[in-house]
Amino acid sequence: MINGNLKLAVQKSGRLTEKSMQLLRTCGLDIENYSDRLIVSARNFDLDLLFLRDDDIPEYVQDGVADIGIVGENVAVEKEADVEIIKKLGYGKCRLVIAVPEEKNIMNLDELNGKRIATSYPKILSNFFGNNKIDAKIIQINGSVEIAPSLGIADYICDIVSTGNTLKLNKLKKFTNVFDSEAVLICNKNIEQDSEKFMKLKNLIARIESALNARTSKYLMMNIPKTALAQIREILPALKSPTILPLADETMLAVHAVIPSDMFWQIQDDLHEAGASGLLLIPIENMIL
C-alpha cells in the first residue's frame, strides 16, 4: 500500500494485541474491525496497521516495510534489529528470569558456571552471562522451555515470566532477573528522511504521550473548609497548583487537582482528617502537559 500513510506494525494475536489497539483508540484513532485482516487503515488519521507475528515486527520495521511497530522490548532486543526504541508504553510488562528446580538452593550467580540453561532468548541470555562473567552452556529451545529440566535437556531455564504460575506448575522457582520488558514503540531509523511521515509520527507520539499521562493520573474533586486550604495543598501530590473555586457556603471551597492514580489511597485519610468531604475521583482520557 503505497499511499503515503504512516505504517504501524502490531502483533496480530497475543498478549500485546488488545492493549495496543486500546491505546490507539484512546489516542482518538478510528480503527475498523481487524480480526480477519492483515492490513487496515485508520478512518481519521493517515495510518495503516499491519498485523504480524511479534517476532517479525522488528525486521519489518528495520527494512522499512513498516515505519514503526509496537512490540515487546524483549523481542526487539533479542532480534538485534537496527531500529530505534522511541517510547516505552507501560503495558505488557514481564521479566526474563533464570529459574531452577524447586529443590535446588543456589545463592550466587557463580553457581551457574558449567550448567546448561534452556531459553528462547539466547542473545539476551548470552549478554547477561558476558556481563556477569558466567561460563554456562545456552541451549536454544523454541517454546515449552519450562519442561526442559524435567526432560533432562537442561539444568535450568531462562524464560519470560508474568505471574509465575507456569513456573509453579512445572516445580520451578525464580533464581534471578535477567531482563525487564514491556511494550515499546520502535521506529525505522531513516524515517526522518520522509518529512511528511516524520510529522505524522510526531503527531502520533504526542497522542500516545497524552494517553499514557492520563492513564497514570486521576482528576480529584473535593470540598474543603477555607481554613484547611494550606494543609490540603501540602497533602496533595498535584502535577501543578490545584484549582480553587468558591462555593455558595462562604466558609467552604472546592478544590480540583490532577494527582498520580496510585497516590489517592495513600492520602485519602489525611484529606478527610484535614476536613475534605465529597471526594470524587474521575479517570482522565487524555492529558497534554
C-alpha atoms as a PDB file:
ATOM      1  CA  MET A   1       0.000   0.000   0.000  1.00  0.00           C
ATOM      2  CA  ILE A   2       1.995   2.951  -1.309  1.00  0.00           C
ATOM      3  CA  ASN A   3      -0.295   5.758  -0.190  1.00  0.00           C
ATOM      4  CA  GLY A   4       1.925   7.988   1.945  1.00  0.00           C
ATOM      5  CA  ASN A   5       0.347   6.760   5.168  1.00  0.00           C
ATOM      6  CA  LEU A   6       2.402   6.040   8.245  1.00  0.00           C
ATOM      7  CA  LYS A   7       2.656   2.260   8.609  1.00  0.00           C
ATOM      8  CA  LEU A   8       2.458   0.711  12.069  1.00  0.00           C
ATOM      9  CA  ALA A   9       3.160  -2.988  12.682  1.00  0.00           C
ATOM     10  CA  VAL A  10       1.338  -4.559  15.634  1.00  0.00           C
ATOM     11  CA  GLN A  11       1.028  -8.083  16.943  1.00  0.00           C
ATOM     12  CA  LYS A  12      -1.783  -9.929  15.140  1.00  0.00           C
ATOM     13  CA  SER A  13      -2.705 -12.008  18.182  1.00  0.00           C
ATOM     14  CA  GLY A  14      -1.084 -12.290  21.566  1.00  0.00           C
ATOM     15  CA  ARG A  15      -0.689 -10.611  24.922  1.00  0.00           C
ATOM     16  CA  LEU A  16       0.024  -7.160  23.451  1.00  0.00           C
ATOM     17  CA  THR A  17      -2.684  -7.035  20.793  1.00  0.00           C
ATOM     18  CA  GLU A  18      -5.743  -5.865  22.704  1.00  0.00           C
ATOM     19  CA  LYS A  19      -3.903  -3.292  24.820  1.00  0.00           C
ATOM     20  CA  SER A  20      -2.135  -1.929  21.745  1.00  0.00           C
ATOM     21  CA  MET A  21      -5.457  -1.446  19.987  1.00  0.00           C
ATOM     22  CA  GLN A  22      -6.946   0.073  23.118  1.00  0.00           C
ATOM     23  CA  LEU A  23      -4.075   2.559  23.287  1.00  0.00           C
ATOM     24  CA  LEU A  24      -4.544   3.569  19.647  1.00  0.00           C
ATOM     25  CA  ARG A  25      -8.271   4.097  20.167  1.00  0.00           C
ATOM     26  CA  THR A  26      -7.575   6.178  23.281  1.00  0.00           C
ATOM     27  CA  CYS A  27      -5.370   8.304  21.020  1.00  0.00           C
ATOM     28  CA  GLY A  28      -8.508   9.129  19.049  1.00  0.00           C
ATOM     29  CA  LEU A  29      -7.890   6.784  16.134  1.00  0.00           C
ATOM     30  CA  ASP A  30     -10.974   5.292  14.491  1.00  0.00           C
ATOM     31  CA  ILE A  31      -9.948   1.748  13.543  1.00  0.00           C
ATOM     32  CA  GLU A  32     -12.356  -0.719  11.999  1.00  0.00           C
ATOM     33  CA  ASN A  33     -12.637  -4.423  12.827  1.00  0.00           C
ATOM     34  CA  TYR A  34      -9.270  -6.043  12.188  1.00  0.00           C
ATOM     35  CA  SER A  35      -9.790  -9.646  13.316  1.00  0.00           C
ATOM     36  CA  ASP A  36      -9.621 -11.253   9.867  1.00  0.00           C
ATOM     37  CA  ARG A  37      -7.421  -8.761   8.042  1.00  0.00           C
ATOM     38  CA  LEU A  38      -3.675  -8.248   7.679  1.00  0.00           C
ATOM     39  CA  ILE A  39      -3.879  -4.532   6.879  1.00  0.00           C
ATOM     40  CA  VAL A  40      -6.434  -1.906   7.950  1.00  0.00           C
ATOM     41  CA  SER A  41      -6.411   1.881   7.771  1.00  0.00           C
ATOM     42  CA  ALA A  42      -7.496   4.374  10.409  1.00  0.00           C
ATOM     43  CA  ARG A  43     -10.508   6.355   9.210  1.00  0.00           C
ATOM     44  CA  ASN A  44      -9.395   9.679  10.701  1.00  0.00           C
ATOM     45  CA  PHE A  45      -5.581   9.577  10.571  1.00  0.00           C
ATOM     46  CA  ASP A  46      -3.060   8.770   7.837  1.00  0.00           C
ATOM     47  CA  LEU A  47      -2.125   5.437   9.400  1.00  0.00           C
ATOM     48  CA  ASP A  48      -2.124   1.858   8.095  1.00  0.00           C
ATOM     49  CA  LEU A  49      -1.907  -1.007  10.585  1.00  0.00           C
ATOM     50  CA  LEU A  50      -0.044  -4.180   9.598  1.00  0.00           C
ATOM     51  CA  PHE A  51      -0.893  -7.221  11.730  1.00  0.00           C
ATOM     52  CA  LEU A  52       2.144  -9.503  12.028  1.00  0.00           C
ATOM     53  CA  ARG A  53       3.780 -12.131  14.206  1.00  0.00           C
ATOM     54  CA  ASP A  54       5.577 -10.336  17.019  1.00  0.00           C
ATOM     55  CA  ASP A  55       8.918 -11.970  16.115  1.00  0.00           C
ATOM     56  CA  ASP A  56       8.681 -10.467  12.608  1.00  0.00           C
ATOM     57  CA  ILE A  57       7.916  -6.887  13.649  1.00  0.00           C
ATOM     58  CA  PRO A  58      11.498  -5.680  14.357  1.00  0.00           C
ATOM     59  CA  GLU A  59      12.752  -6.855  10.959  1.00  0.00           C
ATOM     60  CA  TYR A  60       9.782  -5.365   9.096  1.00  0.00           C
ATOM     61  CA  VAL A  61      10.478  -2.009  10.755  1.00  0.00           C
ATOM     62  CA  GLN A  62      14.216  -2.306  10.123  1.00  0.00           C
ATOM     63  CA  ASP A  63      13.617  -2.984   6.416  1.00  0.00           C
ATOM     64  CA  GLY A  64      11.101  -0.153   6.036  1.00  0.00           C
ATOM     65  CA  VAL A  65       8.103  -2.354   5.246  1.00  0.00           C
ATOM     66  CA  ALA A  66       6.611  -0.730   8.355  1.00  0.00           C
ATOM     67  CA  ASP A  67       7.712   2.695   9.596  1.00  0.00           C
ATOM     68  CA  ILE A  68       7.024   1.964  13.254  1.00  0.00           C
ATOM     69  CA  GLY A  69       5.976  -1.004  15.373  1.00  0.00           C
ATOM     70  CA  ILE A  70       4.666  -1.976  18.782  1.00  0.00           C
ATOM     71  CA  VAL A  71       6.478  -4.990  20.177  1.00  0.00           C
ATOM     72  CA  GLY A  72       7.788  -6.415  23.426  1.00  0.00           C
ATOM     73  CA  GLU A  73      11.148  -4.900  24.344  1.00  0.00           C
ATOM     74  CA  ASN A  74      12.469  -8.428  24.863  1.00  0.00           C
ATOM     75  CA  VAL A  75      11.691  -9.255  21.215  1.00  0.00           C
ATOM     76  CA  ALA A  76      13.247  -6.025  19.918  1.00  0.00           C
ATOM     77  CA  VAL A  77      16.469  -6.649  21.845  1.00  0.00           C
ATOM     78  CA  GLU A  78      16.651 -10.371  21.072  1.00  0.00           C
ATOM     79  CA  LYS A  79      16.238  -9.812  17.315  1.00  0.00           C
ATOM     80  CA  GLU A  80      19.043  -7.199  17.339  1.00  0.00           C
ATOM     81  CA  ALA A  81      17.238  -5.318  14.567  1.00  0.00           C
ATOM     82  CA  ASP A  82      18.644  -1.948  13.561  1.00  0.00           C
ATOM     83  CA  VAL A  83      15.701   0.059  14.892  1.00  0.00           C
ATOM     84  CA  GLU A  84      15.233   2.785  17.459  1.00  0.00           C
ATOM     85  CA  ILE A  85      13.152   2.341  20.615  1.00  0.00           C
ATOM     86  CA  ILE A  86      11.376   5.682  20.871  1.00  0.00           C
ATOM     87  CA  LYS A  87       8.786   5.105  23.599  1.00  0.00           C
ATOM     88  CA  LYS A  88       8.065   2.668  26.405  1.00  0.00           C
ATOM     89  CA  LEU A  89       4.312   2.130  26.572  1.00  0.00           C
ATOM     90  CA  GLY A  90       3.756   0.929  30.135  1.00  0.00           C
ATOM     91  CA  TYR A  91       1.854  -2.301  29.445  1.00  0.00           C
ATOM     92  CA  GLY A  92       2.781  -5.892  28.604  1.00  0.00           C
ATOM     93  CA  LYS A  93       5.272  -5.872  31.459  1.00  0.00           C
ATOM     94  CA  CYS A  94       7.151  -9.095  32.124  1.00  0.00           C
ATOM     95  CA  ARG A  95      10.565 -10.331  33.206  1.00  0.00           C
ATOM     96  CA  LEU A  96      13.061 -12.682  31.669  1.00  0.00           C
ATOM     97  CA  VAL A  97      14.318 -14.749  34.601  1.00  0.00           C
ATOM     98  CA  ILE A  98      16.528 -17.701  35.286  1.00  0.00           C
ATOM     99  CA  ALA A  99      14.513 -20.373  37.083  1.00  0.00           C
ATOM    100  CA  VAL A 100      15.709 -23.530  38.790  1.00  0.00           C
ATOM    101  CA  PRO A 101      14.000 -26.678  40.148  1.00  0.00           C
ATOM    102  CA  GLU A 102      12.299 -26.044  43.488  1.00  0.00           C
ATOM    103  CA  GLU A 103      14.628 -28.429  45.323  1.00  0.00           C
ATOM    104  CA  LYS A 104      17.751 -26.522  44.218  1.00  0.00           C
ATOM    105  CA  ASN A 105      19.152 -23.971  46.658  1.00  0.00           C
ATOM    106  CA  ILE A 106      21.577 -21.825  44.702  1.00  0.00           C
ATOM    107  CA  MET A 107      22.567 -18.452  46.102  1.00  0.00           C
ATOM    108  CA  ASN A 108      25.156 -16.926  43.771  1.00  0.00           C
ATOM    109  CA  LEU A 109      25.484 -16.355  40.039  1.00  0.00           C
ATOM    110  CA  ASP A 110      28.791 -18.257  40.113  1.00  0.00           C
ATOM    111  CA  GLU A 111      26.806 -21.433  40.695  1.00  0.00           C
ATOM    112  CA  LEU A 112      25.540 -21.171  37.107  1.00  0.00           C
ATOM    113  CA  ASN A 113      29.029 -21.925  35.790  1.00  0.00           C
ATOM    114  CA  GLY A 114      29.099 -25.196  33.862  1.00  0.00           C
ATOM    115  CA  LYS A 115      25.316 -25.546  33.853  1.00  0.00           C
ATOM    116  CA  ARG A 116      23.002 -25.981  30.864  1.00  0.00           C
ATOM    117  CA  ILE A 117      20.400 -23.213  30.550  1.00  0.00           C
ATOM    118  CA  ALA A 118      17.468 -23.641  28.149  1.00  0.00           C
ATOM    119  CA  THR A 119      15.939 -20.488  26.672  1.00  0.00           C
ATOM    120  CA  SER A 120      14.163 -18.933  23.706  1.00  0.00           C
ATOM    121  CA  TYR A 121      16.255 -15.775  24.208  1.00  0.00           C
ATOM    122  CA  PRO A 122      19.860 -16.881  23.608  1.00  0.00           C
ATOM    123  CA  LYS A 123      21.188 -13.410  22.712  1.00  0.00           C
ATOM    124  CA  ILE A 124      19.805 -11.650  25.773  1.00  0.00           C
ATOM    125  CA  LEU A 125      20.990 -14.504  27.993  1.00  0.00           C
ATOM    126  CA  SER A 126      24.425 -14.529  26.354  1.00  0.00           C
ATOM    127  CA  ASN A 127      24.779 -10.794  27.027  1.00  0.00           C
ATOM    128  CA  PHE A 128      23.770 -11.357  30.646  1.00  0.00           C
ATOM    129  CA  PHE A 129      26.356 -14.122  31.053  1.00  0.00           C
ATOM    130  CA  GLY A 130      29.022 -11.987  29.398  1.00  0.00           C
ATOM    131  CA  ASN A 131      28.316  -9.010  31.680  1.00  0.00           C
ATOM    132  CA  ASN A 132      28.478 -11.244  34.758  1.00  0.00           C
ATOM    133  CA  LYS A 133      31.418 -13.419  33.604  1.00  0.00           C
ATOM    134  CA  ILE A 134      29.372 -16.626  33.723  1.00  0.00           C
ATOM    135  CA  ASP A 135      30.508 -19.661  31.729  1.00  0.00           C
ATOM    136  CA  ALA A 136      27.332 -21.678  31.135  1.00  0.00           C
ATOM    137  CA  LYS A 137      26.002 -23.544  28.128  1.00  0.00           C
ATOM    138  CA  ILE A 138      22.985 -21.971  26.423  1.00  0.00           C
ATOM    139  CA  ILE A 139      20.522 -24.417  24.859  1.00  0.00           C
ATOM    140  CA  GLN A 140      18.110 -22.718  22.472  1.00  0.00           C
ATOM    141  CA  ILE A 141      14.542 -24.023  22.583  1.00  0.00           C
ATOM    142  CA  ASN A 142      11.561 -22.553  20.773  1.00  0.00           C
ATOM    143  CA  GLY A 143       8.567 -22.968  23.051  1.00  0.00           C
ATOM    144  CA  SER A 144       7.847 -25.066  26.173  1.00  0.00           C
ATOM    145  CA  VAL A 145      11.130 -24.037  27.764  1.00  0.00           C
ATOM    146  CA  GLU A 146       9.793 -24.790  31.242  1.00  0.00           C
ATOM    147  CA  ILE A 147       9.767 -28.568  30.685  1.00  0.00           C
ATOM    148  CA  ALA A 148      13.466 -28.735  29.727  1.00  0.00           C
ATOM    149  CA  PRO A 149      14.762 -29.622  33.245  1.00  0.00           C
ATOM    150  CA  SER A 150      12.215 -32.411  33.745  1.00  0.00           C
ATOM    151  CA  LEU A 151      13.189 -33.896  30.381  1.00  0.00           C
ATOM    152  CA  GLY A 152      16.889 -33.723  31.227  1.00  0.00           C
ATOM    153  CA  ILE A 153      17.575 -31.333  28.336  1.00  0.00           C
ATOM    154  CA  ALA A 154      18.881 -28.608  30.629  1.00  0.00           C
ATOM    155  CA  ASP A 155      19.672 -27.981  34.276  1.00  0.00           C
ATOM    156  CA  TYR A 156      17.863 -24.638  34.491  1.00  0.00           C
ATOM    157  CA  ILE A 157      15.806 -22.376  32.249  1.00  0.00           C
ATOM    158  CA  CYS A 158      15.663 -18.711  31.284  1.00  0.00           C
ATOM    159  CA  ASP A 159      12.177 -17.663  30.260  1.00  0.00           C
ATOM    160  CA  ILE A 160       9.579 -14.879  30.291  1.00  0.00           C
ATOM    161  CA  VAL A 161       7.533 -14.656  33.486  1.00  0.00           C
ATOM    162  CA  SER A 162       4.392 -12.587  34.116  1.00  0.00           C
ATOM    163  CA  THR A 163       2.566 -14.145  37.068  1.00  0.00           C
ATOM    164  CA  GLY A 164       4.932 -17.029  37.854  1.00  0.00           C
ATOM    165  CA  ASN A 165       2.130 -19.613  37.660  1.00  0.00           C
ATOM    166  CA  THR A 166       3.794 -21.564  34.837  1.00  0.00           C
ATOM    167  CA  LEU A 167       6.955 -21.912  36.919  1.00  0.00           C
ATOM    168  CA  LYS A 168       4.968 -23.283  39.858  1.00  0.00           C
ATOM    169  CA  LEU A 169       3.132 -25.766  37.660  1.00  0.00           C
ATOM    170  CA  ASN A 170       6.489 -27.125  36.493  1.00  0.00           C
ATOM    171  CA  LYS A 171       8.020 -27.144  40.008  1.00  0.00           C
ATOM    172  CA  LEU A 172      10.432 -24.327  39.202  1.00  0.00           C
ATOM    173  CA  LYS A 173      11.296 -21.191  41.133  1.00  0.00           C
ATOM    174  CA  LYS A 174      12.843 -17.889  40.146  1.00  0.00           C
ATOM    175  CA  PHE A 175      16.559 -17.501  40.820  1.00  0.00           C
ATOM    176  CA  THR A 176      17.453 -14.122  39.304  1.00  0.00           C
ATOM    177  CA  ASN A 177      16.194 -11.455  36.902  1.00  0.00           C
ATOM    178  CA  VAL A 178      17.887 -11.230  33.514  1.00  0.00           C
ATOM    179  CA  PHE A 179      15.849  -8.603  31.666  1.00  0.00           C
ATOM    180  CA  ASP A 180      12.790  -6.425  32.366  1.00  0.00           C
ATOM    181  CA  SER A 181      10.483  -5.897  29.414  1.00  0.00           C
ATOM    182  CA  GLU A 182       7.349  -4.019  28.399  1.00  0.00           C
ATOM    183  CA  ALA A 183       5.668  -2.981  25.162  1.00  0.00           C
ATOM    184  CA  VAL A 184       7.700  -0.397  23.248  1.00  0.00           C
ATOM    185  CA  LEU A 185       7.233   1.727  20.151  1.00  0.00           C
ATOM    186  CA  ILE A 186      10.065   1.129  17.695  1.00  0.00           C
ATOM    187  CA  CYS A 187      10.923   3.178  14.630  1.00  0.00           C
ATOM    188  CA  ASN A 188      12.805   2.815  11.362  1.00  0.00           C
ATOM    189  CA  LYS A 189      15.985   4.872  11.698  1.00  0.00           C
ATOM    190  CA  ASN A 190      15.507   6.530   8.307  1.00  0.00           C
ATOM    191  CA  ILE A 191      12.004   7.888   8.853  1.00  0.00           C
ATOM    192  CA  GLU A 192      13.245  11.473   9.273  1.00  0.00           C
ATOM    193  CA  GLN A 193      14.193  11.429   5.601  1.00  0.00           C
ATOM    194  CA  ASP A 194      10.471  11.424   4.763  1.00  0.00           C
ATOM    195  CA  SER A 195       9.381  14.742   6.242  1.00  0.00           C
ATOM    196  CA  GLU A 196       5.642  14.096   5.821  1.00  0.00           C
ATOM    197  CA  LYS A 197       5.759  10.725   7.568  1.00  0.00           C
ATOM    198  CA  PHE A 198       8.006  12.140  10.264  1.00  0.00           C
ATOM    199  CA  MET A 199       5.452  14.862  11.033  1.00  0.00           C
ATOM    200  CA  LYS A 200       2.719  12.213  11.228  1.00  0.00           C
ATOM    201  CA  LEU A 201       4.905  10.207  13.607  1.00  0.00           C
ATOM    202  CA  LYS A 202       5.432  13.249  15.856  1.00  0.00           C
ATOM    203  CA  ASN A 203       1.666  13.778  15.929  1.00  0.00           C
ATOM    204  CA  LEU A 204       1.063  10.130  16.836  1.00  0.00           C
ATOM    205  CA  ILE A 205       3.719  10.215  19.573  1.00  0.00           C
ATOM    206  CA  ALA A 206       2.095  13.323  21.066  1.00  0.00           C
ATOM    207  CA  ARG A 207      -1.233  11.475  21.155  1.00  0.00           C
ATOM    208  CA  ILE A 208       0.370   8.415  22.761  1.00  0.00           C
ATOM    209  CA  GLU A 209       2.102  10.523  25.416  1.00  0.00           C
ATOM    210  CA  SER A 210      -1.205  12.222  26.179  1.00  0.00           C
ATOM    211  CA  ALA A 211      -2.910   8.845  26.635  1.00  0.00           C
ATOM    212  CA  LEU A 212      -0.082   7.485  28.790  1.00  0.00           C
ATOM    213  CA  ASN A 213      -0.056  10.584  31.006  1.00  0.00           C
ATOM    214  CA  ALA A 214      -3.800  10.233  31.501  1.00  0.00           C
ATOM    215  CA  ARG A 215      -3.522   6.533  32.355  1.00  0.00           C
ATOM    216  CA  THR A 216      -1.313   7.223  35.368  1.00  0.00           C
ATOM    217  CA  SER A 217      -3.344  10.197  36.646  1.00  0.00           C
ATOM    218  CA  LYS A 218      -6.791  10.910  38.051  1.00  0.00           C
ATOM    219  CA  TYR A 219      -8.844  14.088  38.413  1.00  0.00           C
ATOM    220  CA  LEU A 220      -9.722  14.701  42.073  1.00  0.00           C
ATOM    221  CA  MET A 221     -12.535  16.999  43.196  1.00  0.00           C
ATOM    222  CA  MET A 222     -13.488  17.731  46.804  1.00  0.00           C
ATOM    223  CA  ASN A 223     -14.935  20.334  49.135  1.00  0.00           C
ATOM    224  CA  ILE A 224     -12.843  21.720  51.972  1.00  0.00           C
ATOM    225  CA  PRO A 225     -13.132  24.338  54.732  1.00  0.00           C
ATOM    226  CA  LYS A 226     -11.391  27.580  53.767  1.00  0.00           C
ATOM    227  CA  THR A 227      -9.289  27.296  56.884  1.00  0.00           C
ATOM    228  CA  ALA A 228      -7.851  23.944  55.705  1.00  0.00           C
ATOM    229  CA  LEU A 229      -6.579  25.163  52.319  1.00  0.00           C
ATOM    230  CA  ALA A 230      -2.910  25.423  53.275  1.00  0.00           C
ATOM    231  CA  GLN A 231      -2.959  21.962  54.878  1.00  0.00           C
ATOM    232  CA  ILE A 232      -4.760  20.397  51.891  1.00  0.00           C
ATOM    233  CA  ARG A 233      -2.244  21.881  49.465  1.00  0.00           C
ATOM    234  CA  GLU A 234       0.555  20.300  51.477  1.00  0.00           C
ATOM    235  CA  ILE A 235      -1.113  16.884  51.253  1.00  0.00           C
ATOM    236  CA  LEU A 236      -1.906  16.942  47.526  1.00  0.00           C
ATOM    237  CA  PRO A 237       0.752  15.491  45.183  1.00  0.00           C
ATOM    238  CA  ALA A 238      -0.705  17.565  42.335  1.00  0.00           C
ATOM    239  CA  LEU A 239       1.075  17.939  38.993  1.00  0.00           C
ATOM    240  CA  LYS A 240       0.536  21.689  39.271  1.00  0.00           C
ATOM    241  CA  SER A 241      -1.131  24.054  41.709  1.00  0.00           C
ATOM    242  CA  PRO A 242      -4.724  22.864  42.311  1.00  0.00           C
ATOM    243  CA  THR A 243      -7.740  24.810  41.079  1.00  0.00           C
ATOM    244  CA  ILE A 244      -9.566  26.589  43.917  1.00  0.00           C
ATOM    245  CA  LEU A 245     -13.229  27.562  43.437  1.00  0.00           C
ATOM    246  CA  PRO A 246     -15.663  29.376  45.769  1.00  0.00           C
ATOM    247  CA  LEU A 247     -18.900  27.688  46.920  1.00  0.00           C
ATOM    248  CA  ALA A 248     -22.287  29.044  47.957  1.00  0.00           C
ATOM    249  CA  ASP A 249     -21.220  28.403  51.547  1.00  0.00           C
ATOM    250  CA  GLU A 250     -18.625  31.142  52.013  1.00  0.00           C
ATOM    251  CA  THR A 251     -16.762  29.075  54.612  1.00  0.00           C
ATOM    252  CA  MET A 252     -16.074  26.319  52.048  1.00  0.00           C
ATOM    253  CA  LEU A 253     -14.027  25.911  48.869  1.00  0.00           C
ATOM    254  CA  ALA A 254     -13.989  23.405  46.009  1.00  0.00           C
ATOM    255  CA  VAL A 255     -10.563  22.020  45.155  1.00  0.00           C
ATOM    256  CA  HIS A 256      -9.777  20.307  41.827  1.00  0.00           C
ATOM    257  CA  ALA A 257      -6.409  18.665  41.173  1.00  0.00           C
ATOM    258  CA  VAL A 258      -4.751  16.096  38.924  1.00  0.00           C
ATOM    259  CA  ILE A 259      -2.900  13.522  41.012  1.00  0.00           C
ATOM    260  CA  PRO A 260      -0.997  10.275  40.350  1.00  0.00           C
ATOM    261  CA  SER A 261      -3.502   7.404  40.299  1.00  0.00           C
ATOM    262  CA  ASP A 262      -1.722   5.289  42.897  1.00  0.00           C
ATOM    263  CA  MET A 263      -1.430   8.159  45.406  1.00  0.00           C
ATOM    264  CA  PHE A 264      -5.111   8.654  46.184  1.00  0.00           C
ATOM    265  CA  TRP A 265      -5.478   5.725  48.575  1.00  0.00           C
ATOM    266  CA  GLN A 266      -2.344   6.827  50.408  1.00  0.00           C
ATOM    267  CA  ILE A 267      -3.642  10.341  51.080  1.00  0.00           C
ATOM    268  CA  GLN A 268      -7.402   9.914  51.428  1.00  0.00           C
ATOM    269  CA  ASP A 269      -7.287   9.540  55.237  1.00  0.00           C
ATOM    270  CA  ASP A 270      -5.117  12.657  55.549  1.00  0.00           C
ATOM    271  CA  LEU A 271      -7.566  14.595  53.351  1.00  0.00           C
ATOM    272  CA  HIS A 272     -10.542  13.506  55.479  1.00  0.00           C
ATOM    273  CA  GLU A 273      -8.728  14.413  58.683  1.00  0.00           C
ATOM    274  CA  ALA A 274      -7.989  17.858  57.246  1.00  0.00           C
ATOM    275  CA  GLY A 275     -11.730  18.368  56.648  1.00  0.00           C
ATOM    276  CA  ALA A 276     -12.155  17.352  52.997  1.00  0.00           C
ATOM    277  CA  SER A 277     -15.561  15.975  52.036  1.00  0.00           C
ATOM    278  CA  GLY A 278     -17.389  14.836  48.906  1.00  0.00           C
ATOM    279  CA  LEU A 279     -14.233  13.410  47.350  1.00  0.00           C
ATOM    280  CA  LEU A 280     -14.717  12.464  43.706  1.00  0.00           C
ATOM    281  CA  LEU A 281     -12.030  10.661  41.692  1.00  0.00           C
ATOM    282  CA  ILE A 282     -12.502  10.742  37.906  1.00  0.00           C
ATOM    283  CA  PRO A 283     -10.500   8.962  35.171  1.00  0.00           C
ATOM    284  CA  ILE A 284      -8.819  11.130  32.529  1.00  0.00           C
ATOM    285  CA  GLU A 285      -8.907  10.045  28.882  1.00  0.00           C
ATOM    286  CA  ASN A 286      -6.116  12.291  27.600  1.00  0.00           C
ATOM    287  CA  MET A 287      -3.768  14.783  29.199  1.00  0.00           C
ATOM    288  CA  ILE A 288      -1.330  17.102  27.403  1.00  0.00           C
ATOM    289  CA  LEU A 289       1.385  18.520  29.636  1.00  0.00           C
END
